[in-house]
Amino acid sequence: MSHQEEHRLIPGWEQVISYLEQWLKSCSSLAVMGIGNDLRGDDGAGPRLIRLLEEKTANYDNLRLIDASTVPENHIGTIVQAAPSHLLLIDAAHQEGDPPGRVRIVKEEEIGNFSSSTHTLSLTLVIGLIKQQTPLETVLVGIQPETAGFFDETLSSAVEETVRGLAEWLAERRYSRSI
């Protein structure tokens, strides 16, 4: 089975990829921000994705990768200075009843309904502060966590598979303008 066929087995994969392909059609520059706590198991999905992308996209001059950890507000200036057309947020997103590793799109207008106890400020506030200074399109890709224990630096196998799939898919994309 190919990697693409394997990724299709990830719950929500087809819908997320379809949405992202459409969303990125108008992308002239992309910033990807991984959010989460590396010491809380699957909550570290966002930073893990950034590390994988750093390995796969080291020579890309048109992609800004940001490991925001639990403080995305600390990177507002970086995003404003880069002025990307699109900002992709990656974070663990608990949805009651979803299987571990399920991936879903959380549109910008829905991000206010999403909460995480590991963020200092709400993502809606962070996005609002960025958009006051530079126009951009924003979407969150949420990954259903299985574990979020303290002092656990490893992702569950389901979340690791989803993160690897997203990293591979994003690394295959090209963007037209350097940021």
Foldseek 3Di string as FASTA:
>chain_A
DDLVVVQVPQAQRVVVVVVVVVVCPPWQAEEEEFEAALQFALQRLRVVLLVLLCVLPVPAQRYHYHDCYQEVLVCLVVCLVQQTQEYEYEGAFADPPDDFFHKDKQALVRQVVTDDPSHPDRPNVSVVVSCVRHHHGYIYIHGHADTGHGRDNYYDPSSVSNSVSVSVVVSPDHHNDGD
